[in-house]
Structure formats: C-alpha cells, structure tokens
PDB file of N, CA and C in Angstrom:
ATOM      1  N   MET A   1       0.834  -1.174   0.000  1.00  0.00           N
ATOM      2  CA  MET A   1       0.000   0.000   0.000  1.00  0.00           C
ATOM      3  C   MET A   1       0.881   1.241   0.000  1.00  0.00           C
ATOM      4  N   TYR A   2       0.494   2.226  -0.790  1.00  0.00           N
ATOM      5  CA  TYR A   2       1.201   3.497  -0.787  1.00  0.00           C
ATOM      6  C   TYR A   2       0.197   4.635  -0.856  1.00  0.00           C
ATOM      7  N   ALA A   3       0.691   5.841  -0.597  1.00  0.00           N
ATOM      8  CA  ALA A   3      -0.166   7.019  -0.623  1.00  0.00           C
ATOM      9  C   ALA A   3       0.637   8.196  -1.151  1.00  0.00           C
ATOM     10  N   ILE A   4      -0.060   9.133  -1.759  1.00  0.00           N
ATOM     11  CA  ILE A   4       0.531  10.404  -2.168  1.00  0.00           C
ATOM     12  C   ILE A   4       0.052  11.435  -1.150  1.00  0.00           C
ATOM     13  N   VAL A   5       1.010  12.083  -0.469  1.00  0.00           N
ATOM     14  CA  VAL A   5       0.697  12.976   0.642  1.00  0.00           C
ATOM     15  C   VAL A   5       1.305  14.348   0.370  1.00  0.00           C
ATOM     16  N   GLU A   6       0.596  15.387   0.762  1.00  0.00           N
ATOM     17  CA  GLU A   6       1.136  16.737   0.676  1.00  0.00           C
ATOM     18  C   GLU A   6       1.834  17.061   1.995  1.00  0.00           C
ATOM     19  N   ILE A   7       3.160  17.242   1.910  1.00  0.00           N
ATOM     20  CA  ILE A   7       3.972  17.545   3.091  1.00  0.00           C
ATOM     21  C   ILE A   7       4.739  18.829   2.814  1.00  0.00           C
ATOM     22  N   ALA A   8       4.469  19.839   3.605  1.00  0.00           N
ATOM     23  CA  ALA A   8       5.160  21.133   3.506  1.00  0.00           C
ATOM     24  C   ALA A   8       5.091  21.699   2.093  1.00  0.00           C
ATOM     25  N   GLY A   9       3.929  21.558   1.448  1.00  0.00           N
ATOM     26  CA  GLY A   9       3.730  22.139   0.120  1.00  0.00           C
ATOM     27  C   GLY A   9       4.208  21.282  -1.031  1.00  0.00           C
ATOM     28  N   GLN A  10       4.738  20.096  -0.769  1.00  0.00           N
ATOM     29  CA  GLN A  10       5.208  19.212  -1.831  1.00  0.00           C
ATOM     30  C   GLN A  10       4.487  17.874  -1.753  1.00  0.00           C
ATOM     31  N   GLN A  11       4.212  17.298  -2.916  1.00  0.00           N
ATOM     32  CA  GLN A  11       3.564  15.992  -2.964  1.00  0.00           C
ATOM     33  C   GLN A  11       4.629  14.901  -2.924  1.00  0.00           C
ATOM     34  N   THR A  12       4.444  13.940  -2.008  1.00  0.00           N
ATOM     35  CA  THR A  12       5.433  12.903  -1.779  1.00  0.00           C
ATOM     36  C   THR A  12       4.753  11.542  -1.745  1.00  0.00           C
ATOM     37  N   LYS A  13       5.368  10.547  -2.398  1.00  0.00           N
ATOM     38  CA  LYS A  13       4.868   9.180  -2.344  1.00  0.00           C
ATOM     39  C   LYS A  13       5.451   8.521  -1.099  1.00  0.00           C
ATOM     40  N   VAL A  14       4.580   7.949  -0.254  1.00  0.00           N
ATOM     41  CA  VAL A  14       5.023   7.322   0.987  1.00  0.00           C
ATOM     42  C   VAL A  14       4.531   5.884   1.039  1.00  0.00           C
ATOM     43  N   GLU A  15       5.343   5.016   1.649  1.00  0.00           N
ATOM     44  CA  GLU A  15       4.986   3.628   1.878  1.00  0.00           C
ATOM     45  C   GLU A  15       5.305   3.299   3.333  1.00  0.00           C
ATOM     46  N   SER A  16       4.544   2.411   3.908  1.00  0.00           N
ATOM     47  CA  SER A  16       4.728   2.037   5.301  1.00  0.00           C
ATOM     48  C   SER A  16       6.073   1.346   5.487  1.00  0.00           C
ATOM     49  N   GLY A  17       6.807   1.760   6.518  1.00  0.00           N
ATOM     50  CA  GLY A  17       8.100   1.157   6.826  1.00  0.00           C
ATOM     51  C   GLY A  17       9.278   1.755   6.083  1.00  0.00           C
ATOM     52  N   LYS A  18       9.071   2.787   5.287  1.00  0.00           N
ATOM     53  CA  LYS A  18      10.157   3.406   4.531  1.00  0.00           C
ATOM     54  C   LYS A  18      10.414   4.816   5.041  1.00  0.00           C
ATOM     55  N   PHE A  19      11.577   5.353   4.665  1.00  0.00           N
ATOM     56  CA  PHE A  19      11.981   6.687   5.068  1.00  0.00           C
ATOM     57  C   PHE A  19      11.647   7.696   3.985  1.00  0.00           C
ATOM     58  N   ILE A  20      11.356   8.924   4.408  1.00  0.00           N
ATOM     59  CA  ILE A  20      11.235  10.036   3.465  1.00  0.00           C
ATOM     60  C   ILE A  20      12.047  11.196   4.015  1.00  0.00           C
ATOM     61  N   TYR A  21      12.442  12.074   3.120  1.00  0.00           N
ATOM     62  CA  TYR A  21      13.138  13.294   3.491  1.00  0.00           C
ATOM     63  C   TYR A  21      12.242  14.451   3.086  1.00  0.00           C
ATOM     64  N   ALA A  22      11.725  15.182   4.088  1.00  0.00           N
ATOM     65  CA  ALA A  22      10.812  16.291   3.849  1.00  0.00           C
ATOM     66  C   ALA A  22      11.506  17.590   4.234  1.00  0.00           C
ATOM     67  N   ASN A  23      11.029  18.698   3.673  1.00  0.00           N
ATOM     68  CA  ASN A  23      11.522  19.993   4.118  1.00  0.00           C
ATOM     69  C   ASN A  23      11.332  20.091   5.623  1.00  0.00           C
ATOM     70  N   LYS A  24      12.159  20.883   6.264  1.00  0.00           N
ATOM     71  CA  LYS A  24      12.215  20.912   7.732  1.00  0.00           C
ATOM     72  C   LYS A  24      10.828  21.016   8.360  1.00  0.00           C
ATOM     73  N   LEU A  25      10.547  20.076   9.268  1.00  0.00           N
ATOM     74  CA  LEU A  25       9.287  20.037  10.000  1.00  0.00           C
ATOM     75  C   LEU A  25       9.536  20.448  11.443  1.00  0.00           C
ATOM     76  N   SER A  26       8.518  21.036  12.068  1.00  0.00           N
ATOM     77  CA  SER A  26       8.658  21.392  13.480  1.00  0.00           C
ATOM     78  C   SER A  26       8.499  20.125  14.313  1.00  0.00           C
ATOM     79  N   GLY A  27       9.280  20.023  15.358  1.00  0.00           N
ATOM     80  CA  GLY A  27       9.251  18.850  16.218  1.00  0.00           C
ATOM     81  C   GLY A  27      10.660  18.382  16.512  1.00  0.00           C
ATOM     82  N   ASN A  28      10.774  17.590  17.563  1.00  0.00           N
ATOM     83  CA  ASN A  28      12.073  17.068  17.973  1.00  0.00           C
ATOM     84  C   ASN A  28      12.242  15.626  17.523  1.00  0.00           C
ATOM     85  N   GLU A  29      13.463  15.137  17.656  1.00  0.00           N
ATOM     86  CA  GLU A  29      13.761  13.759  17.286  1.00  0.00           C
ATOM     87  C   GLU A  29      12.966  12.808  18.182  1.00  0.00           C
ATOM     88  N   GLY A  30      12.281  11.842  17.573  1.00  0.00           N
ATOM     89  CA  GLY A  30      11.471  10.887  18.309  1.00  0.00           C
ATOM     90  C   GLY A  30      10.000  11.258  18.394  1.00  0.00           C
ATOM     91  N   ASP A  31       9.643  12.471  18.002  1.00  0.00           N
ATOM     92  CA  ASP A  31       8.242  12.897  18.042  1.00  0.00           C
ATOM     93  C   ASP A  31       7.427  12.224  16.946  1.00  0.00           C
ATOM     94  N   ALA A  32       6.147  12.032  17.214  1.00  0.00           N
ATOM     95  CA  ALA A  32       5.229  11.482  16.216  1.00  0.00           C
ATOM     96  C   ALA A  32       4.717  12.608  15.329  1.00  0.00           C
ATOM     97  N   VAL A  33       4.546  12.305  14.040  1.00  0.00           N
ATOM     98  CA  VAL A  33       4.063  13.274  13.068  1.00  0.00           C
ATOM     99  C   VAL A  33       2.870  12.664  12.355  1.00  0.00           C
ATOM    100  N   GLU A  34       1.866  13.484  12.084  1.00  0.00           N
ATOM    101  CA  GLU A  34       0.668  13.010  11.395  1.00  0.00           C
ATOM    102  C   GLU A  34       0.404  13.895  10.192  1.00  0.00           C
ATOM    103  N   PHE A  35       0.211  13.270   9.038  1.00  0.00           N
ATOM    104  CA  PHE A  35      -0.091  13.994   7.805  1.00  0.00           C
ATOM    105  C   PHE A  35      -1.519  13.658   7.388  1.00  0.00           C
ATOM    106  N   ALA A  36      -2.377  14.673   7.353  1.00  0.00           N
ATOM    107  CA  ALA A  36      -3.790  14.452   7.043  1.00  0.00           C
ATOM    108  C   ALA A  36      -4.128  14.777   5.593  1.00  0.00           C
ATOM    109  N   ASN A  37      -3.240  15.451   4.877  1.00  0.00           N
ATOM    110  CA  ASN A  37      -3.512  15.838   3.491  1.00  0.00           C
ATOM    111  C   ASN A  37      -3.114  14.718   2.530  1.00  0.00           C
ATOM    112  N   VAL A  38      -3.916  13.666   2.509  1.00  0.00           N
ATOM    113  CA  VAL A  38      -3.665  12.516   1.640  1.00  0.00           C
ATOM    114  C   VAL A  38      -4.429  12.736   0.332  1.00  0.00           C
ATOM    115  N   LEU A  39      -3.707  12.738  -0.784  1.00  0.00           N
ATOM    116  CA  LEU A  39      -4.304  13.020  -2.082  1.00  0.00           C
ATOM    117  C   LEU A  39      -4.759  11.762  -2.808  1.00  0.00           C
ATOM    118  N   LEU A  40      -4.053  10.644  -2.587  1.00  0.00           N
ATOM    119  CA  LEU A  40      -4.339   9.405  -3.306  1.00  0.00           C
ATOM    120  C   LEU A  40      -3.854   8.228  -2.470  1.00  0.00           C
ATOM    121  N   THR A  41      -4.584   7.120  -2.513  1.00  0.00           N
ATOM    122  CA  THR A  41      -4.126   5.889  -1.873  1.00  0.00           C
ATOM    123  C   THR A  41      -4.271   4.732  -2.851  1.00  0.00           C
ATOM    124  N   ASP A  42      -3.384   3.766  -2.726  1.00  0.00           N
ATOM    125  CA  ASP A  42      -3.440   2.558  -3.550  1.00  0.00           C
ATOM    126  C   ASP A  42      -3.286   1.370  -2.614  1.00  0.00           C
ATOM    127  N   ASP A  43      -4.326   0.541  -2.537  1.00  0.00           N
ATOM    128  CA  ASP A  43      -4.315  -0.640  -1.685  1.00  0.00           C
ATOM    129  C   ASP A  43      -4.469  -1.873  -2.562  1.00  0.00           C
ATOM    130  N   ASN A  44      -3.328  -2.409  -3.044  1.00  0.00           N
ATOM    131  CA  ASN A  44      -3.299  -3.592  -3.913  1.00  0.00           C
ATOM    132  C   ASN A  44      -4.176  -3.431  -5.147  1.00  0.00           C
ATOM    133  N   GLY A  45      -4.024  -2.316  -5.843  1.00  0.00           N
ATOM    134  CA  GLY A  45      -4.770  -2.078  -7.078  1.00  0.00           C
ATOM    135  C   GLY A  45      -6.062  -1.312  -6.885  1.00  0.00           C
ATOM    136  N   ASN A  46      -6.513  -1.149  -5.663  1.00  0.00           N
ATOM    137  CA  ASN A  46      -7.723  -0.383  -5.380  1.00  0.00           C
ATOM    138  C   ASN A  46      -7.324   1.065  -5.132  1.00  0.00           C
ATOM    139  N   ILE A  47      -7.462   1.916  -6.154  1.00  0.00           N
ATOM    140  CA  ILE A  47      -7.001   3.299  -6.086  1.00  0.00           C
ATOM    141  C   ILE A  47      -8.145   4.199  -5.655  1.00  0.00           C
ATOM    142  N   THR A  48      -7.854   5.056  -4.669  1.00  0.00           N
ATOM    143  CA  THR A  48      -8.813   6.042  -4.190  1.00  0.00           C
ATOM    144  C   THR A  48      -8.207   7.424  -4.388  1.00  0.00           C
ATOM    145  N   VAL A  49      -8.916   8.269  -5.154  1.00  0.00           N
ATOM    146  CA  VAL A  49      -8.446   9.622  -5.431  1.00  0.00           C
ATOM    147  C   VAL A  49      -9.318  10.598  -4.671  1.00  0.00           C
ATOM    148  N   GLY A  50      -8.695  11.540  -3.980  1.00  0.00           N
ATOM    149  CA  GLY A  50      -9.429  12.529  -3.207  1.00  0.00           C
ATOM    150  C   GLY A  50      -9.839  13.718  -4.045  1.00  0.00           C
ATOM    151  N   ALA A  51     -10.782  14.493  -3.489  1.00  0.00           N
ATOM    152  CA  ALA A  51     -11.227  15.697  -4.187  1.00  0.00           C
ATOM    153  C   ALA A  51     -11.331  16.843  -3.204  1.00  0.00           C
ATOM    154  N   PRO A  52     -10.322  17.512  -2.766  1.00  0.00           N
ATOM    155  CA  PRO A  52      -8.907  17.307  -3.088  1.00  0.00           C
ATOM    156  C   PRO A  52      -8.217  16.275  -2.186  1.00  0.00           C
ATOM    157  N   PHE A  53      -8.791  15.968  -0.991  1.00  0.00           N
ATOM    158  CA  PHE A  53      -8.141  15.027  -0.082  1.00  0.00           C
ATOM    159  C   PHE A  53      -9.039  13.821   0.160  1.00  0.00           C
ATOM    160  N   VAL A  54      -8.431  12.680   0.480  1.00  0.00           N
ATOM    161  CA  VAL A  54      -9.168  11.462   0.795  1.00  0.00           C
ATOM    162  C   VAL A  54      -9.643  11.556   2.247  1.00  0.00           C
ATOM    163  N   ASP A  55     -10.940  11.320   2.463  1.00  0.00           N
ATOM    164  CA  ASP A  55     -11.503  11.413   3.810  1.00  0.00           C
ATOM    165  C   ASP A  55     -11.159  10.178   4.647  1.00  0.00           C
ATOM    166  N   GLY A  56     -10.836  10.405   5.917  1.00  0.00           N
ATOM    167  CA  GLY A  56     -10.636   9.305   6.850  1.00  0.00           C
ATOM    168  C   GLY A  56      -9.285   8.620   6.780  1.00  0.00           C
ATOM    169  N   ILE A  57      -8.377   9.087   5.965  1.00  0.00           N
ATOM    170  CA  ILE A  57      -7.057   8.467   5.842  1.00  0.00           C
ATOM    171  C   ILE A  57      -6.008   9.435   6.384  1.00  0.00           C
ATOM    172  N   LYS A  58      -5.143   8.933   7.263  1.00  0.00           N
ATOM    173  CA  LYS A  58      -4.036   9.718   7.796  1.00  0.00           C
ATOM    174  C   LYS A  58      -2.771   8.890   7.734  1.00  0.00           C
ATOM    175  N   VAL A  59      -1.665   9.565   7.538  1.00  0.00           N
ATOM    176  CA  VAL A  59      -0.356   8.914   7.512  1.00  0.00           C
ATOM    177  C   VAL A  59       0.381   9.347   8.771  1.00  0.00           C
ATOM    178  N   THR A  60       0.873   8.369   9.525  1.00  0.00           N
ATOM    179  CA  THR A  60       1.614   8.676  10.748  1.00  0.00           C
ATOM    180  C   THR A  60       3.071   8.277  10.573  1.00  0.00           C
ATOM    181  N   GLY A  61       3.932   9.046  11.194  1.00  0.00           N
ATOM    182  CA  GLY A  61       5.359   8.785  11.098  1.00  0.00           C
ATOM    183  C   GLY A  61       6.076   9.214  12.360  1.00  0.00           C
ATOM    184  N   LYS A  62       7.392   9.029  12.350  1.00  0.00           N
ATOM    185  CA  LYS A  62       8.230   9.355  13.490  1.00  0.00           C
ATOM    186  C   LYS A  62       9.461  10.096  12.989  1.00  0.00           C
ATOM    187  N   ILE A  63       9.776  11.225  13.616  1.00  0.00           N
ATOM    188  CA  ILE A  63      10.934  12.024  13.210  1.00  0.00           C
ATOM    189  C   ILE A  63      12.201  11.332  13.707  1.00  0.00           C
ATOM    190  N   LEU A  64      13.125  11.081  12.786  1.00  0.00           N
ATOM    191  CA  LEU A  64      14.376  10.408  13.133  1.00  0.00           C
ATOM    192  C   LEU A  64      15.545  11.369  13.264  1.00  0.00           C
ATOM    193  N   GLY A  65      15.411  12.571  12.729  1.00  0.00           N
ATOM    194  CA  GLY A  65      16.502  13.543  12.842  1.00  0.00           C
ATOM    195  C   GLY A  65      16.422  14.589  11.764  1.00  0.00           C
ATOM    196  N   GLU A  66      17.320  15.557  11.876  1.00  0.00           N
ATOM    197  CA  GLU A  66      17.405  16.631  10.893  1.00  0.00           C
ATOM    198  C   GLU A  66      18.812  16.677  10.326  1.00  0.00           C
ATOM    199  N   PHE A  67      18.929  17.115   9.081  1.00  0.00           N
ATOM    200  CA  PHE A  67      20.235  17.276   8.470  1.00  0.00           C
ATOM    201  C   PHE A  67      20.140  18.343   7.395  1.00  0.00           C
ATOM    202  N   ARG A  68      21.279  18.711   6.874  1.00  0.00           N
ATOM    203  CA  ARG A  68      21.329  19.714   5.814  1.00  0.00           C
ATOM    204  C   ARG A  68      21.872  19.063   4.554  1.00  0.00           C
ATOM    205  N   ALA A  69      21.307  19.449   3.427  1.00  0.00           N
ATOM    206  CA  ALA A  69      21.728  18.893   2.140  1.00  0.00           C
ATOM    207  C   ALA A  69      23.077  19.493   1.738  1.00  0.00           C
ATOM    208  N   ASP A  70      23.641  18.976   0.662  1.00  0.00           N
ATOM    209  CA  ASP A  70      24.886  19.520   0.143  1.00  0.00           C
ATOM    210  C   ASP A  70      24.674  20.958  -0.309  1.00  0.00           C
ATOM    211  N   LYS A  71      25.742  21.711  -0.296  1.00  0.00           N
ATOM    212  CA  LYS A  71      25.664  23.123  -0.663  1.00  0.00           C
ATOM    213  C   LYS A  71      25.499  23.268  -2.174  1.00  0.00           C
ATOM    214  N   VAL A  72      24.604  24.160  -2.546  1.00  0.00           N
ATOM    215  CA  VAL A  72      24.393  24.495  -3.945  1.00  0.00           C
ATOM    216  C   VAL A  72      25.095  25.823  -4.190  1.00  0.00           C
ATOM    217  N   HIS A  73      26.004  25.854  -5.163  1.00  0.00           N
ATOM    218  CA  HIS A  73      26.749  27.070  -5.462  1.00  0.00           C
ATOM    219  C   HIS A  73      26.092  27.799  -6.624  1.00  0.00           C
ATOM    220  N   ILE A  74      25.866  29.098  -6.449  1.00  0.00           N
ATOM    221  CA  ILE A  74      25.307  29.941  -7.498  1.00  0.00           C
ATOM    222  C   ILE A  74      26.372  30.967  -7.847  1.00  0.00           C
ATOM    223  N   PHE A  75      26.786  30.988  -9.105  1.00  0.00           N
ATOM    224  CA  PHE A  75      27.814  31.920  -9.546  1.00  0.00           C
ATOM    225  C   PHE A  75      27.304  32.656 -10.762  1.00  0.00           C
ATOM    226  N   LYS A  76      27.295  33.998 -10.666  1.00  0.00           N
ATOM    227  CA  LYS A  76      26.839  34.834 -11.775  1.00  0.00           C
ATOM    228  C   LYS A  76      28.014  35.665 -12.257  1.00  0.00           C
ATOM    229  N   LYS A  77      28.098  35.827 -13.579  1.00  0.00           N
ATOM    230  CA  LYS A  77      29.194  36.585 -14.152  1.00  0.00           C
ATOM    231  C   LYS A  77      28.763  37.186 -15.473  1.00  0.00           C
ATOM    232  N   LYS A  78      29.177  38.411 -15.701  1.00  0.00           N
ATOM    233  CA  LYS A  78      28.983  39.030 -17.009  1.00  0.00           C
ATOM    234  C   LYS A  78      30.363  39.343 -17.562  1.00  0.00           C
ATOM    235  N   ARG A  79      30.637  38.823 -18.725  1.00  0.00           N
ATOM    236  CA  ARG A  79      31.978  38.967 -19.263  1.00  0.00           C
ATOM    237  C   ARG A  79      32.282  40.421 -19.634  1.00  0.00           C
ATOM    238  N   ARG A  80      33.523  40.768 -19.442  1.00  0.00           N
ATOM    239  CA  ARG A  80      34.078  42.080 -19.769  1.00  0.00           C
ATOM    240  C   ARG A  80      33.454  43.226 -18.983  1.00  0.00           C
ATOM    241  N   LYS A  81      32.704  42.949 -17.946  1.00  0.00           N
ATOM    242  CA  LYS A  81      32.068  44.018 -17.163  1.00  0.00           C
ATOM    243  C   LYS A  81      32.599  44.068 -15.725  1.00  0.00           C
ATOM    244  N   GLY A  82      33.317  43.061 -15.319  1.00  0.00           N
ATOM    245  CA  GLY A  82      33.819  43.023 -13.956  1.00  0.00           C
ATOM    246  C   GLY A  82      32.760  42.612 -12.940  1.00  0.00           C
ATOM    247  N   TYR A  83      31.654  42.051 -13.414  1.00  0.00           N
ATOM    248  CA  TYR A  83      30.557  41.649 -12.533  1.00  0.00           C
ATOM    249  C   TYR A  83      30.692  40.180 -12.201  1.00  0.00           C
ATOM    250  N   ARG A  84      30.915  39.889 -10.913  1.00  0.00           N
ATOM    251  CA  ARG A  84      30.985  38.510 -10.444  1.00  0.00           C
ATOM    252  C   ARG A  84      30.290  38.448  -9.092  1.00  0.00           C
ATOM    253  N   LYS A  85      29.399  37.487  -8.949  1.00  0.00           N
ATOM    254  CA  LYS A  85      28.669  37.326  -7.693  1.00  0.00           C
ATOM    255  C   LYS A  85      28.587  35.841  -7.367  1.00  0.00           C
ATOM    256  N   SER A  86      28.899  35.504  -6.136  1.00  0.00           N
ATOM    257  CA  SER A  86      28.877  34.114  -5.713  1.00  0.00           C
ATOM    258  C   SER A  86      27.968  33.986  -4.507  1.00  0.00           C
ATOM    259  N   ARG A  87      27.087  33.011  -4.541  1.00  0.00           N
ATOM    260  CA  ARG A  87      26.164  32.738  -3.445  1.00  0.00           C
ATOM    261  C   ARG A  87      26.157  31.236  -3.195  1.00  0.00           C
ATOM    262  N   GLY A  88      25.611  30.853  -2.050  1.00  0.00           N
ATOM    263  CA  GLY A  88      25.468  29.441  -1.723  1.00  0.00           C
ATOM    264  C   GLY A  88      24.211  29.228  -0.907  1.00  0.00           C
ATOM    265  N   HIS A  89      23.720  27.981  -0.901  1.00  0.00           N
ATOM    266  CA  HIS A  89      22.504  27.655  -0.167  1.00  0.00           C
ATOM    267  C   HIS A  89      22.565  26.202   0.281  1.00  0.00           C
ATOM    268  N   ARG A  90      22.135  25.953   1.534  1.00  0.00           N
ATOM    269  CA  ARG A  90      21.994  24.592   2.050  1.00  0.00           C
ATOM    270  C   ARG A  90      20.588  24.440   2.593  1.00  0.00           C
ATOM    271  N   GLN A  91      19.852  23.471   2.075  1.00  0.00           N
ATOM    272  CA  GLN A  91      18.472  23.237   2.483  1.00  0.00           C
ATOM    273  C   GLN A  91      18.412  22.345   3.707  1.00  0.00           C
ATOM    274  N   ASN A  92      17.525  22.672   4.651  1.00  0.00           N
ATOM    275  CA  ASN A  92      17.309  21.859   5.842  1.00  0.00           C
ATOM    276  C   ASN A  92      16.250  20.800   5.559  1.00  0.00           C
ATOM    277  N   TYR A  93      16.527  19.553   5.955  1.00  0.00           N
ATOM    278  CA  TYR A  93      15.602  18.452   5.750  1.00  0.00           C
ATOM    279  C   TYR A  93      15.350  17.713   7.061  1.00  0.00           C
ATOM    280  N   THR A  94      14.215  17.029   7.121  1.00  0.00           N
ATOM    281  CA  THR A  94      13.869  16.176   8.250  1.00  0.00           C
ATOM    282  C   THR A  94      13.683  14.762   7.733  1.00  0.00           C
ATOM    283  N   LYS A  95      14.295  13.790   8.402  1.00  0.00           N
ATOM    284  CA  LYS A  95      14.142  12.376   8.037  1.00  0.00           C
ATOM    285  C   LYS A  95      12.992  11.809   8.844  1.00  0.00           C
ATOM    286  N   VAL A  96      12.005  11.222   8.143  1.00  0.00           N
ATOM    287  CA  VAL A  96      10.798  10.723   8.783  1.00  0.00           C
ATOM    288  C   VAL A  96      10.618   9.252   8.398  1.00  0.00           C
ATOM    289  N   LEU A  97      10.354   8.396   9.406  1.00  0.00           N
ATOM    290  CA  LEU A  97      10.021   7.001   9.177  1.00  0.00           C
ATOM    291  C   LEU A  97       8.495   6.885   9.141  1.00  0.00           C
ATOM    292  N   ILE A  98       7.956   6.390   8.034  1.00  0.00           N
ATOM    293  CA  ILE A  98       6.508   6.230   7.902  1.00  0.00           C
ATOM    294  C   ILE A  98       6.107   4.943   8.619  1.00  0.00           C
ATOM    295  N   GLU A  99       5.234   5.082   9.617  1.00  0.00           N
ATOM    296  CA  GLU A  99       4.835   3.928  10.421  1.00  0.00           C
ATOM    297  C   GLU A  99       3.543   3.279   9.923  1.00  0.00           C
ATOM    298  N   SER A 100       2.551   4.094   9.561  1.00  0.00           N
ATOM    299  CA  SER A 100       1.289   3.501   9.121  1.00  0.00           C
ATOM    300  C   SER A 100       0.545   4.432   8.181  1.00  0.00           C
ATOM    301  N   ILE A 101      -0.258   3.815   7.324  1.00  0.00           N
ATOM    302  CA  ILE A 101      -1.153   4.536   6.419  1.00  0.00           C
ATOM    303  C   ILE A 101      -2.553   4.007   6.682  1.00  0.00           C
ATOM    304  N   GLY A 102      -3.435   4.903   7.043  1.00  0.00           N
ATOM    305  CA  GLY A 102      -4.808   4.432   7.276  1.00  0.00           C
ATOM    306  C   GLY A 102      -5.557   5.197   8.293  1.00  0.00           C
TER     307      GLY A 102
END
C-alpha cells in the first residue's frame, strides 16, 4: 500500500516502513508526526483519489533527525564588465520514518 501525501507544500509518495526526506518540519527527534492531506491511496490495485483530499485516511510517522543537504553554489558573471557574484545555499531536511497509512 502506498499514498501520495502533501507535506510542507510538496507531494510525496510514501509507503509504510520506509523513510522520506521532507523539508524541515517542526518537532524534535522521536516525536510522532501526522499527515492528514492525503491526495491518493493505492491498496493492492484499489485506487482512491481525493477531491482534493481522501476522507478518513491519515499517515503517521516518526521524526528520526534533521540534516542539511549539500551546498548548492550559485555563480553569476557578465563577461568584460567586472561583474561577479557568488552565493550558496543549504536546504534543511527532516528524516521521517513512515509507520502507518490508514
């Protein structure tokens, strides 16, 4: 069984017993998390599509920790003008173990 869930503005496919990496969520390590915005569920070929969300279905998980992704380097340059600008960004993520769908 799997579900498509909206987490922090992004749609993510989740399965029971697997890990997902979501944009930083509020909560501490070991806390339980519940996602109620379930868009679609598939139970052995029986697909249920919400309008916009599926009623009565929630996905529960457990926060395992937080980490930061690799740095993304942004470099801008215009030739012969002396314009050079360098920036960087590291995104914060939360690792979540999906415990149950239903």
